[in-house]
Amino acid sequence: MKKPRSDSKLLNLPEEKQAQLAEWLLSGVPYHQALKLIEKEFQLTTSFAALSAFWTDVCTPALLARRQQAVTTADSVAADAKKMPGNFDAATIDAIRQKAFELSVSPQAAPGEVKALFMLLLKSRDQELKKDQLLLDKQRFEFDAAKAALAALPDLRAIAADKGLNENDRIDAIRRRLFGQIPDEK
């Protein structure tokens, strides 16, 4: 980076004040509000043009670095997701959620990047809902099977006691008694 002009108030601020100003601007504070904050916090008056120059020299490189980091993270997560679809762990989901938030509040964020991260979050949520639905379906099936077994208990005892059936035939007969014929058999 070249040396700032001696009359550039903002580019000659101490490093910590430049960092604070950059953070304000990168978090979406509009120029007119930033001018008021600079005057209040730094006891300095400046112009829109000076803020624009500051944005170009300080904020743009910082924003590009943040965006590159977000893209790298998103690419890494996408690669992991392709390797093991459906196996997002909680830490990965939290990282995606954080990056999606950071990009969504950034005024310079590319809509495609924001969309990609939110699509990953939605896919993860869908997978959790499907997992919950499968668990509920399994519990319903087990309950219904137990209820059917109780209702058919006398018949099941008779099938179990039938000495003319081998083990597999007994299991098949019990399955048919509880659940009926499978579609292939009809």
N, C-alpha and C. Protein backbone atom coordinates (compact mmCIF):
# COMPACT_ATOMS: atom_id res chain seq x y z
N MET A 1 0.85 -1.18 0.00
CA MET A 1 0.00 0.00 0.00
C MET A 1 0.89 1.24 0.00
N LYS A 2 0.54 2.20 -0.84
CA LYS A 2 1.35 3.41 -0.90
C LYS A 2 1.09 4.29 0.32
N LYS A 3 2.02 5.18 0.56
CA LYS A 3 1.93 6.08 1.70
C LYS A 3 0.77 7.06 1.47
N PRO A 4 -0.09 7.27 2.49
CA PRO A 4 -1.21 8.19 2.32
C PRO A 4 -0.73 9.64 2.23
N ARG A 5 -1.53 10.42 1.54
CA ARG A 5 -1.21 11.85 1.45
C ARG A 5 -1.24 12.46 2.85
N SER A 6 -0.44 13.46 3.04
CA SER A 6 -0.35 14.08 4.37
C SER A 6 -1.65 14.78 4.76
N ASP A 7 -2.48 15.17 3.77
CA ASP A 7 -3.73 15.84 4.09
C ASP A 7 -4.90 14.86 4.20
N SER A 8 -4.65 13.56 4.11
CA SER A 8 -5.69 12.53 4.23
C SER A 8 -5.89 12.20 5.70
N LYS A 9 -6.90 12.84 6.30
CA LYS A 9 -7.13 12.69 7.74
C LYS A 9 -7.42 11.24 8.12
N LEU A 10 -8.26 10.59 7.34
CA LEU A 10 -8.68 9.24 7.71
C LEU A 10 -7.57 8.20 7.52
N LEU A 11 -6.82 8.34 6.45
CA LEU A 11 -5.75 7.38 6.19
C LEU A 11 -4.53 7.60 7.09
N ASN A 12 -4.49 8.74 7.79
CA ASN A 12 -3.41 9.01 8.73
C ASN A 12 -3.83 8.79 10.18
N LEU A 13 -5.05 8.26 10.38
CA LEU A 13 -5.50 7.93 11.73
C LEU A 13 -4.63 6.81 12.28
N PRO A 14 -4.53 6.70 13.61
CA PRO A 14 -3.83 5.54 14.19
C PRO A 14 -4.52 4.24 13.75
N GLU A 15 -3.76 3.19 13.76
CA GLU A 15 -4.24 1.90 13.25
C GLU A 15 -5.53 1.44 13.93
N GLU A 16 -5.62 1.60 15.24
CA GLU A 16 -6.83 1.14 15.94
C GLU A 16 -8.06 1.95 15.55
N LYS A 17 -7.88 3.23 15.29
CA LYS A 17 -9.02 4.05 14.85
C LYS A 17 -9.41 3.71 13.41
N GLN A 18 -8.43 3.43 12.58
CA GLN A 18 -8.74 2.99 11.22
C GLN A 18 -9.51 1.67 11.25
N ALA A 19 -9.09 0.78 12.13
CA ALA A 19 -9.77 -0.51 12.25
C ALA A 19 -11.21 -0.31 12.71
N GLN A 20 -11.42 0.61 13.65
CA GLN A 20 -12.78 0.88 14.14
C GLN A 20 -13.65 1.45 13.02
N LEU A 21 -13.11 2.42 12.28
CA LEU A 21 -13.85 3.02 11.18
C LEU A 21 -14.16 1.97 10.10
N ALA A 22 -13.19 1.15 9.79
CA ALA A 22 -13.41 0.09 8.80
C ALA A 22 -14.51 -0.86 9.26
N GLU A 23 -14.50 -1.20 10.54
CA GLU A 23 -15.53 -2.10 11.06
C GLU A 23 -16.91 -1.47 10.96
N TRP A 24 -17.01 -0.17 11.27
CA TRP A 24 -18.30 0.52 11.12
C TRP A 24 -18.80 0.42 9.68
N LEU A 25 -17.92 0.77 8.77
CA LEU A 25 -18.32 0.80 7.36
C LEU A 25 -18.63 -0.61 6.84
N LEU A 26 -17.81 -1.58 7.22
CA LEU A 26 -18.03 -2.95 6.75
C LEU A 26 -19.28 -3.57 7.37
N SER A 27 -19.69 -3.08 8.51
CA SER A 27 -20.90 -3.61 9.12
C SER A 27 -22.16 -2.94 8.58
N GLY A 28 -21.98 -2.00 7.64
CA GLY A 28 -23.13 -1.42 6.97
C GLY A 28 -23.52 -0.02 7.41
N VAL A 29 -22.71 0.61 8.25
CA VAL A 29 -23.01 1.98 8.67
C VAL A 29 -22.92 2.90 7.44
N PRO A 30 -23.99 3.64 7.14
CA PRO A 30 -23.94 4.52 5.97
C PRO A 30 -22.97 5.70 6.20
N TYR A 31 -22.50 6.28 5.10
CA TYR A 31 -21.52 7.36 5.19
C TYR A 31 -22.00 8.52 6.06
N HIS A 32 -23.26 8.92 5.93
CA HIS A 32 -23.72 10.07 6.72
C HIS A 32 -23.65 9.78 8.22
N GLN A 33 -23.91 8.53 8.61
CA GLN A 33 -23.79 8.17 10.02
C GLN A 33 -22.32 8.04 10.42
N ALA A 34 -21.51 7.51 9.53
CA ALA A 34 -20.08 7.36 9.80
C ALA A 34 -19.44 8.73 10.04
N LEU A 35 -19.86 9.73 9.27
CA LEU A 35 -19.32 11.08 9.47
C LEU A 35 -19.62 11.58 10.88
N LYS A 36 -20.83 11.31 11.35
CA LYS A 36 -21.20 11.72 12.72
C LYS A 36 -20.39 10.95 13.77
N LEU A 37 -20.21 9.65 13.54
CA LEU A 37 -19.42 8.84 14.48
C LEU A 37 -17.96 9.30 14.53
N ILE A 38 -17.40 9.63 13.37
CA ILE A 38 -16.01 10.10 13.30
C ILE A 38 -15.86 11.39 14.09
N GLU A 39 -16.82 12.27 13.91
CA GLU A 39 -16.77 13.55 14.62
C GLU A 39 -16.90 13.33 16.13
N LYS A 40 -17.83 12.46 16.53
CA LYS A 40 -18.08 12.22 17.95
C LYS A 40 -16.93 11.43 18.60
N GLU A 41 -16.51 10.32 17.97
CA GLU A 41 -15.53 9.43 18.58
C GLU A 41 -14.08 9.86 18.37
N PHE A 42 -13.80 10.46 17.21
CA PHE A 42 -12.41 10.81 16.88
C PHE A 42 -12.15 12.32 16.92
N GLN A 43 -13.21 13.13 17.19
CA GLN A 43 -13.10 14.59 17.19
C GLN A 43 -12.45 15.07 15.88
N LEU A 44 -13.03 14.62 14.79
CA LEU A 44 -12.46 14.90 13.47
C LEU A 44 -13.61 15.14 12.49
N THR A 45 -13.51 16.19 11.68
CA THR A 45 -14.51 16.41 10.64
C THR A 45 -13.88 16.02 9.30
N THR A 46 -14.70 15.40 8.48
CA THR A 46 -14.21 14.94 7.18
C THR A 46 -15.36 14.98 6.18
N SER A 47 -15.14 14.43 4.99
CA SER A 47 -16.13 14.53 3.92
C SER A 47 -16.50 13.15 3.38
N PHE A 48 -17.56 13.16 2.54
CA PHE A 48 -17.96 11.92 1.86
C PHE A 48 -16.82 11.42 0.96
N ALA A 49 -16.14 12.33 0.30
CA ALA A 49 -15.05 11.96 -0.60
C ALA A 49 -13.93 11.27 0.17
N ALA A 50 -13.62 11.80 1.37
CA ALA A 50 -12.57 11.19 2.19
C ALA A 50 -12.99 9.79 2.64
N LEU A 51 -14.29 9.63 2.99
CA LEU A 51 -14.79 8.30 3.36
C LEU A 51 -14.71 7.34 2.17
N SER A 52 -15.03 7.84 1.00
CA SER A 52 -14.97 7.02 -0.20
C SER A 52 -13.53 6.56 -0.47
N ALA A 53 -12.58 7.47 -0.30
CA ALA A 53 -11.17 7.11 -0.48
C ALA A 53 -10.74 6.10 0.58
N PHE A 54 -11.21 6.29 1.81
CA PHE A 54 -10.91 5.35 2.89
C PHE A 54 -11.48 3.97 2.56
N TRP A 55 -12.70 3.96 2.06
CA TRP A 55 -13.34 2.69 1.68
C TRP A 55 -12.47 1.97 0.64
N THR A 56 -12.04 2.72 -0.37
CA THR A 56 -11.25 2.13 -1.44
C THR A 56 -9.91 1.59 -0.93
N ASP A 57 -9.23 2.37 -0.11
CA ASP A 57 -7.90 1.98 0.34
C ASP A 57 -7.88 0.96 1.49
N VAL A 58 -8.88 1.02 2.38
CA VAL A 58 -8.84 0.17 3.57
C VAL A 58 -9.94 -0.90 3.57
N CYS A 59 -11.16 -0.47 3.32
CA CYS A 59 -12.29 -1.40 3.45
C CYS A 59 -12.36 -2.42 2.32
N THR A 60 -12.08 -1.98 1.10
CA THR A 60 -12.17 -2.91 -0.03
C THR A 60 -11.23 -4.10 0.14
N PRO A 61 -9.95 -3.89 0.46
CA PRO A 61 -9.09 -5.06 0.68
C PRO A 61 -9.57 -5.95 1.84
N ALA A 62 -10.05 -5.32 2.91
CA ALA A 62 -10.55 -6.10 4.05
C ALA A 62 -11.79 -6.90 3.65
N LEU A 63 -12.67 -6.28 2.89
CA LEU A 63 -13.88 -6.95 2.44
C LEU A 63 -13.55 -8.11 1.51
N LEU A 64 -12.61 -7.89 0.61
CA LEU A 64 -12.20 -8.97 -0.30
C LEU A 64 -11.61 -10.14 0.47
N ALA A 65 -10.83 -9.85 1.49
CA ALA A 65 -10.25 -10.92 2.31
C ALA A 65 -11.34 -11.69 3.04
N ARG A 66 -12.32 -10.97 3.60
CA ARG A 66 -13.44 -11.63 4.29
C ARG A 66 -14.23 -12.51 3.33
N ARG A 67 -14.51 -11.96 2.16
CA ARG A 67 -15.28 -12.71 1.17
C ARG A 67 -14.51 -13.94 0.71
N GLN A 68 -13.20 -13.80 0.53
CA GLN A 68 -12.40 -14.96 0.11
C GLN A 68 -12.44 -16.04 1.18
N GLN A 69 -12.36 -15.61 2.44
CA GLN A 69 -12.44 -16.57 3.54
C GLN A 69 -13.80 -17.26 3.55
N ALA A 70 -14.86 -16.50 3.33
CA ALA A 70 -16.21 -17.08 3.30
C ALA A 70 -16.35 -18.06 2.14
N VAL A 71 -15.81 -17.70 0.98
CA VAL A 71 -15.87 -18.59 -0.18
C VAL A 71 -15.09 -19.87 0.09
N THR A 72 -13.90 -19.73 0.68
CA THR A 72 -13.08 -20.90 1.00
C THR A 72 -13.83 -21.82 1.96
N THR A 73 -14.44 -21.23 2.97
CA THR A 73 -15.21 -22.02 3.93
C THR A 73 -16.38 -22.70 3.25
N ALA A 74 -17.12 -21.95 2.43
CA ALA A 74 -18.27 -22.52 1.74
C ALA A 74 -17.83 -23.64 0.80
N ASP A 75 -16.72 -23.46 0.09
CA ASP A 75 -16.22 -24.51 -0.80
C ASP A 75 -15.84 -25.76 -0.01
N SER A 76 -15.21 -25.56 1.13
CA SER A 76 -14.80 -26.69 1.96
C SER A 76 -16.02 -27.45 2.47
N VAL A 77 -17.02 -26.71 2.92
CA VAL A 77 -18.24 -27.34 3.42
C VAL A 77 -18.96 -28.07 2.28
N ALA A 78 -19.01 -27.45 1.10
CA ALA A 78 -19.67 -28.09 -0.04
C ALA A 78 -18.94 -29.38 -0.42
N ALA A 79 -17.62 -29.37 -0.38
CA ALA A 79 -16.85 -30.57 -0.70
C ALA A 79 -17.14 -31.67 0.32
N ASP A 80 -17.19 -31.31 1.59
CA ASP A 80 -17.52 -32.29 2.63
C ASP A 80 -18.93 -32.83 2.44
N ALA A 81 -19.84 -31.96 2.07
CA ALA A 81 -21.23 -32.37 1.87
C ALA A 81 -21.34 -33.36 0.71
N LYS A 82 -20.54 -33.15 -0.34
CA LYS A 82 -20.57 -34.07 -1.48
C LYS A 82 -19.99 -35.43 -1.11
N LYS A 83 -18.96 -35.43 -0.26
CA LYS A 83 -18.35 -36.68 0.16
C LYS A 83 -19.31 -37.52 1.00
N MET A 84 -20.02 -36.84 1.90
CA MET A 84 -20.92 -37.53 2.82
C MET A 84 -22.27 -36.82 2.85
N PRO A 85 -23.07 -36.96 1.79
CA PRO A 85 -24.35 -36.27 1.79
C PRO A 85 -25.22 -36.73 2.96
N GLY A 86 -25.84 -35.79 3.60
CA GLY A 86 -26.71 -36.12 4.71
C GLY A 86 -26.01 -36.25 6.04
N ASN A 87 -24.70 -36.07 6.08
CA ASN A 87 -23.97 -36.22 7.33
C ASN A 87 -23.31 -34.92 7.75
N PHE A 88 -24.08 -33.89 7.94
CA PHE A 88 -23.54 -32.64 8.45
C PHE A 88 -23.48 -32.76 9.97
N ASP A 89 -22.35 -32.46 10.55
CA ASP A 89 -22.33 -32.46 12.00
C ASP A 89 -22.69 -31.06 12.50
N ALA A 90 -22.98 -30.98 13.75
CA ALA A 90 -23.46 -29.73 14.34
C ALA A 90 -22.47 -28.58 14.17
N ALA A 91 -21.18 -28.85 14.31
CA ALA A 91 -20.18 -27.79 14.18
C ALA A 91 -20.15 -27.23 12.76
N THR A 92 -20.29 -28.09 11.79
CA THR A 92 -20.30 -27.65 10.39
C THR A 92 -21.53 -26.78 10.13
N ILE A 93 -22.66 -27.20 10.62
CA ILE A 93 -23.89 -26.42 10.44
C ILE A 93 -23.75 -25.06 11.12
N ASP A 94 -23.17 -25.03 12.31
CA ASP A 94 -22.95 -23.76 12.99
C ASP A 94 -22.03 -22.85 12.19
N ALA A 95 -20.99 -23.42 11.59
CA ALA A 95 -20.06 -22.62 10.77
C ALA A 95 -20.77 -22.06 9.55
N ILE A 96 -21.59 -22.87 8.92
CA ILE A 96 -22.36 -22.40 7.75
C ILE A 96 -23.31 -21.30 8.17
N ARG A 97 -23.98 -21.51 9.29
CA ARG A 97 -24.94 -20.51 9.79
C ARG A 97 -24.23 -19.17 10.06
N GLN A 98 -23.03 -19.24 10.67
CA GLN A 98 -22.28 -18.02 10.96
C GLN A 98 -21.86 -17.31 9.68
N LYS A 99 -21.34 -18.06 8.71
CA LYS A 99 -20.91 -17.45 7.45
C LYS A 99 -22.10 -16.87 6.70
N ALA A 100 -23.22 -17.56 6.72
CA ALA A 100 -24.41 -17.05 6.05
C ALA A 100 -24.85 -15.73 6.68
N PHE A 101 -24.78 -15.66 8.00
CA PHE A 101 -25.14 -14.41 8.68
C PHE A 101 -24.17 -13.30 8.31
N GLU A 102 -22.87 -13.60 8.36
CA GLU A 102 -21.87 -12.57 8.02
C GLU A 102 -22.07 -12.05 6.61
N LEU A 103 -22.31 -12.94 5.68
CA LEU A 103 -22.52 -12.50 4.30
C LEU A 103 -23.84 -11.74 4.15
N SER A 104 -24.87 -12.18 4.87
CA SER A 104 -26.18 -11.54 4.70
C SER A 104 -26.19 -10.10 5.22
N VAL A 105 -25.34 -9.77 6.18
CA VAL A 105 -25.31 -8.39 6.70
C VAL A 105 -24.28 -7.54 5.99
N SER A 106 -23.49 -8.14 5.14
CA SER A 106 -22.47 -7.38 4.41
C SER A 106 -23.10 -6.71 3.19
N PRO A 107 -22.95 -5.40 3.08
CA PRO A 107 -23.57 -4.71 1.95
C PRO A 107 -22.94 -5.07 0.61
N GLN A 108 -21.74 -5.60 0.63
CA GLN A 108 -21.04 -5.93 -0.61
C GLN A 108 -21.09 -7.41 -0.95
N ALA A 109 -21.85 -8.20 -0.20
CA ALA A 109 -21.88 -9.65 -0.42
C ALA A 109 -22.54 -9.98 -1.75
N ALA A 110 -21.98 -10.96 -2.41
CA ALA A 110 -22.56 -11.43 -3.68
C ALA A 110 -23.80 -12.27 -3.36
N PRO A 111 -24.91 -11.97 -3.99
CA PRO A 111 -26.15 -12.71 -3.71
C PRO A 111 -26.00 -14.22 -3.92
N GLY A 112 -25.21 -14.61 -4.89
CA GLY A 112 -25.03 -16.05 -5.16
C GLY A 112 -24.37 -16.77 -4.00
N GLU A 113 -23.41 -16.12 -3.35
CA GLU A 113 -22.74 -16.72 -2.20
C GLU A 113 -23.70 -16.85 -1.03
N VAL A 114 -24.47 -15.80 -0.80
CA VAL A 114 -25.46 -15.84 0.29
C VAL A 114 -26.46 -16.96 0.03
N LYS A 115 -26.95 -17.03 -1.20
CA LYS A 115 -27.93 -18.05 -1.56
C LYS A 115 -27.36 -19.45 -1.37
N ALA A 116 -26.11 -19.66 -1.79
CA ALA A 116 -25.50 -20.99 -1.67
C ALA A 116 -25.43 -21.44 -0.21
N LEU A 117 -25.04 -20.53 0.67
CA LEU A 117 -24.96 -20.90 2.09
C LEU A 117 -26.34 -21.16 2.68
N PHE A 118 -27.31 -20.32 2.33
CA PHE A 118 -28.66 -20.53 2.86
C PHE A 118 -29.27 -21.81 2.30
N MET A 119 -28.94 -22.17 1.08
CA MET A 119 -29.43 -23.44 0.51
C MET A 119 -28.85 -24.62 1.29
N LEU A 120 -27.58 -24.54 1.68
CA LEU A 120 -26.99 -25.60 2.50
C LEU A 120 -27.71 -25.70 3.85
N LEU A 121 -28.02 -24.55 4.44
CA LEU A 121 -28.74 -24.56 5.71
C LEU A 121 -30.12 -25.18 5.56
N LEU A 122 -30.81 -24.81 4.49
CA LEU A 122 -32.15 -25.37 4.25
C LEU A 122 -32.08 -26.87 4.01
N LYS A 123 -31.08 -27.31 3.27
CA LYS A 123 -30.91 -28.74 3.01
C LYS A 123 -30.66 -29.49 4.32
N SER A 124 -29.84 -28.91 5.16
CA SER A 124 -29.56 -29.53 6.46
C SER A 124 -30.84 -29.62 7.30
N ARG A 125 -31.62 -28.56 7.29
CA ARG A 125 -32.88 -28.55 8.06
C ARG A 125 -33.85 -29.59 7.51
N ASP A 126 -33.92 -29.71 6.19
CA ASP A 126 -34.78 -30.73 5.58
C ASP A 126 -34.35 -32.13 6.01
N GLN A 127 -33.04 -32.35 6.06
CA GLN A 127 -32.54 -33.67 6.47
C GLN A 127 -32.92 -33.97 7.91
N GLU A 128 -32.83 -32.96 8.77
CA GLU A 128 -33.22 -33.16 10.16
C GLU A 128 -34.71 -33.47 10.27
N LEU A 129 -35.53 -32.76 9.50
CA LEU A 129 -36.97 -33.03 9.53
C LEU A 129 -37.28 -34.43 9.01
N LYS A 130 -36.59 -34.87 7.95
CA LYS A 130 -36.80 -36.22 7.43
C LYS A 130 -36.39 -37.27 8.46
N LYS A 131 -35.28 -37.02 9.13
CA LYS A 131 -34.81 -37.94 10.17
C LYS A 131 -35.85 -38.04 11.28
N ASP A 132 -36.38 -36.89 11.71
CA ASP A 132 -37.41 -36.88 12.75
C ASP A 132 -38.66 -37.62 12.28
N GLN A 133 -39.04 -37.43 11.01
CA GLN A 133 -40.23 -38.09 10.46
C GLN A 133 -40.03 -39.60 10.41
N LEU A 134 -38.82 -40.04 10.02
CA LEU A 134 -38.53 -41.48 9.99
C LEU A 134 -38.62 -42.09 11.39
N LEU A 135 -38.12 -41.39 12.37
CA LEU A 135 -38.19 -41.87 13.74
C LEU A 135 -39.65 -41.99 14.19
N LEU A 136 -40.44 -40.98 13.88
CA LEU A 136 -41.86 -41.01 14.23
C LEU A 136 -42.57 -42.15 13.50
N ASP A 137 -42.28 -42.34 12.22
CA ASP A 137 -42.89 -43.44 11.45
C ASP A 137 -42.51 -44.80 12.04
N LYS A 138 -41.25 -44.94 12.45
CA LYS A 138 -40.79 -46.19 13.06
C LYS A 138 -41.54 -46.46 14.36
N GLN A 139 -41.69 -45.42 15.18
CA GLN A 139 -42.41 -45.59 16.45
C GLN A 139 -43.87 -45.96 16.22
N ARG A 140 -44.50 -45.33 15.22
CA ARG A 140 -45.90 -45.68 14.89
C ARG A 140 -46.00 -47.12 14.43
N PHE A 141 -45.06 -47.54 13.55
CA PHE A 141 -45.07 -48.91 13.07
C PHE A 141 -44.92 -49.90 14.22
N GLU A 142 -43.96 -49.63 15.11
CA GLU A 142 -43.75 -50.54 16.24
C GLU A 142 -44.99 -50.62 17.11
N PHE A 143 -45.64 -49.49 17.34
CA PHE A 143 -46.85 -49.49 18.15
C PHE A 143 -47.95 -50.28 17.46
N ASP A 144 -48.15 -50.03 16.16
CA ASP A 144 -49.19 -50.73 15.41
C ASP A 144 -48.90 -52.23 15.34
N ALA A 145 -47.62 -52.59 15.18
CA ALA A 145 -47.26 -54.01 15.13
C ALA A 145 -47.53 -54.69 16.47
N ALA A 146 -47.18 -54.02 17.56
CA ALA A 146 -47.44 -54.59 18.88
C ALA A 146 -48.94 -54.74 19.12
N LYS A 147 -49.71 -53.76 18.69
CA LYS A 147 -51.16 -53.80 18.85
C LYS A 147 -51.74 -54.97 18.03
N ALA A 148 -51.26 -55.13 16.79
CA ALA A 148 -51.74 -56.22 15.94
C ALA A 148 -51.33 -57.57 16.52
N ALA A 149 -50.13 -57.66 17.08
CA ALA A 149 -49.67 -58.91 17.67
C ALA A 149 -50.53 -59.29 18.88
N LEU A 150 -50.88 -58.31 19.67
CA LEU A 150 -51.73 -58.57 20.82
C LEU A 150 -53.11 -59.05 20.39
N ALA A 151 -53.66 -58.42 19.36
CA ALA A 151 -54.98 -58.82 18.87
C ALA A 151 -54.95 -60.22 18.25
N ALA A 152 -53.82 -60.60 17.66
CA ALA A 152 -53.72 -61.90 16.98
C ALA A 152 -53.01 -62.95 17.83
N LEU A 153 -52.88 -62.70 19.11
CA LEU A 153 -52.10 -63.58 19.97
C LEU A 153 -52.54 -65.05 19.91
N PRO A 154 -53.82 -65.37 19.95
CA PRO A 154 -54.19 -66.80 19.89
C PRO A 154 -53.73 -67.45 18.57
N ASP A 155 -53.90 -66.75 17.45
CA ASP A 155 -53.46 -67.30 16.17
C ASP A 155 -51.94 -67.44 16.12
N LEU A 156 -51.23 -66.48 16.68
CA LEU A 156 -49.77 -66.52 16.68
C LEU A 156 -49.26 -67.69 17.51
N ARG A 157 -49.93 -67.97 18.62
CA ARG A 157 -49.54 -69.12 19.45
C ARG A 157 -49.73 -70.42 18.67
N ALA A 158 -50.82 -70.48 17.94
CA ALA A 158 -51.10 -71.70 17.16
C ALA A 158 -50.04 -71.90 16.08
N ILE A 159 -49.66 -70.80 15.40
CA ILE A 159 -48.63 -70.90 14.36
C ILE A 159 -47.30 -71.30 14.99
N ALA A 160 -46.96 -70.71 16.12
CA ALA A 160 -45.70 -71.02 16.79
C ALA A 160 -45.64 -72.48 17.24
N ALA A 161 -46.79 -73.06 17.58
CA ALA A 161 -46.84 -74.45 18.07
C ALA A 161 -46.91 -75.47 16.93
N ASP A 162 -47.15 -75.02 15.72
CA ASP A 162 -47.30 -75.93 14.57
C ASP A 162 -45.96 -76.61 14.28
N LYS A 163 -45.88 -77.93 14.54
CA LYS A 163 -44.64 -78.68 14.36
C LYS A 163 -44.36 -78.97 12.88
N GLY A 164 -45.34 -78.78 12.01
CA GLY A 164 -45.15 -79.05 10.59
C GLY A 164 -44.44 -77.91 9.86
N LEU A 165 -44.21 -76.79 10.54
CA LEU A 165 -43.55 -75.64 9.91
C LEU A 165 -42.11 -75.50 10.42
N ASN A 166 -41.20 -75.21 9.49
CA ASN A 166 -39.85 -74.90 9.95
C ASN A 166 -39.81 -73.44 10.42
N GLU A 167 -38.67 -73.00 10.92
CA GLU A 167 -38.54 -71.64 11.50
C GLU A 167 -38.93 -70.55 10.51
N ASN A 168 -38.41 -70.64 9.28
CA ASN A 168 -38.71 -69.60 8.27
C ASN A 168 -40.19 -69.60 7.90
N ASP A 169 -40.79 -70.79 7.80
CA ASP A 169 -42.22 -70.87 7.47
C ASP A 169 -43.07 -70.28 8.60
N ARG A 170 -42.67 -70.53 9.84
CA ARG A 170 -43.39 -69.94 10.99
C ARG A 170 -43.33 -68.41 10.93
N ILE A 171 -42.13 -67.88 10.71
CA ILE A 171 -41.96 -66.42 10.64
C ILE A 171 -42.80 -65.85 9.51
N ASP A 172 -42.79 -66.51 8.35
CA ASP A 172 -43.56 -66.05 7.20
C ASP A 172 -45.06 -66.09 7.50
N ALA A 173 -45.52 -67.16 8.15
CA ALA A 173 -46.94 -67.27 8.50
C ALA A 173 -47.36 -66.19 9.50
N ILE A 174 -46.50 -65.93 10.46
CA ILE A 174 -46.79 -64.87 11.45
C ILE A 174 -46.83 -63.52 10.76
N ARG A 175 -45.87 -63.26 9.87
CA ARG A 175 -45.86 -61.99 9.13
C ARG A 175 -47.15 -61.82 8.33
N ARG A 176 -47.57 -62.89 7.65
CA ARG A 176 -48.82 -62.81 6.86
C ARG A 176 -50.03 -62.58 7.77
N ARG A 177 -50.04 -63.23 8.92
CA ARG A 177 -51.17 -63.06 9.84
C ARG A 177 -51.24 -61.63 10.36
N LEU A 178 -50.08 -61.05 10.65
CA LEU A 178 -50.06 -59.69 11.20
C LEU A 178 -50.25 -58.61 10.13
N PHE A 179 -49.64 -58.81 8.98
CA PHE A 179 -49.58 -57.70 7.99
C PHE A 179 -50.26 -58.02 6.66
N GLY A 180 -50.75 -59.23 6.48
CA GLY A 180 -51.38 -59.59 5.22
C GLY A 180 -50.33 -59.97 4.18
N GLN A 181 -50.81 -60.19 2.97
CA GLN A 181 -49.90 -60.57 1.91
C GLN A 181 -49.14 -59.34 1.41
N ILE A 182 -47.87 -59.56 1.05
CA ILE A 182 -47.13 -58.45 0.45
C ILE A 182 -47.57 -58.36 -1.01
N PRO A 183 -47.49 -57.17 -1.60
CA PRO A 183 -48.01 -56.96 -2.95
C PRO A 183 -47.47 -57.94 -3.99
N ASP A 184 -46.23 -58.39 -3.86
CA ASP A 184 -45.67 -59.34 -4.84
C ASP A 184 -46.41 -60.67 -4.83
N GLU A 185 -46.99 -61.05 -3.68
CA GLU A 185 -47.66 -62.34 -3.55
C GLU A 185 -49.07 -62.32 -4.12
N LYS A 186 -49.66 -61.15 -4.30
CA LYS A 186 -51.07 -61.07 -4.75
C LYS A 186 -51.21 -61.33 -6.21
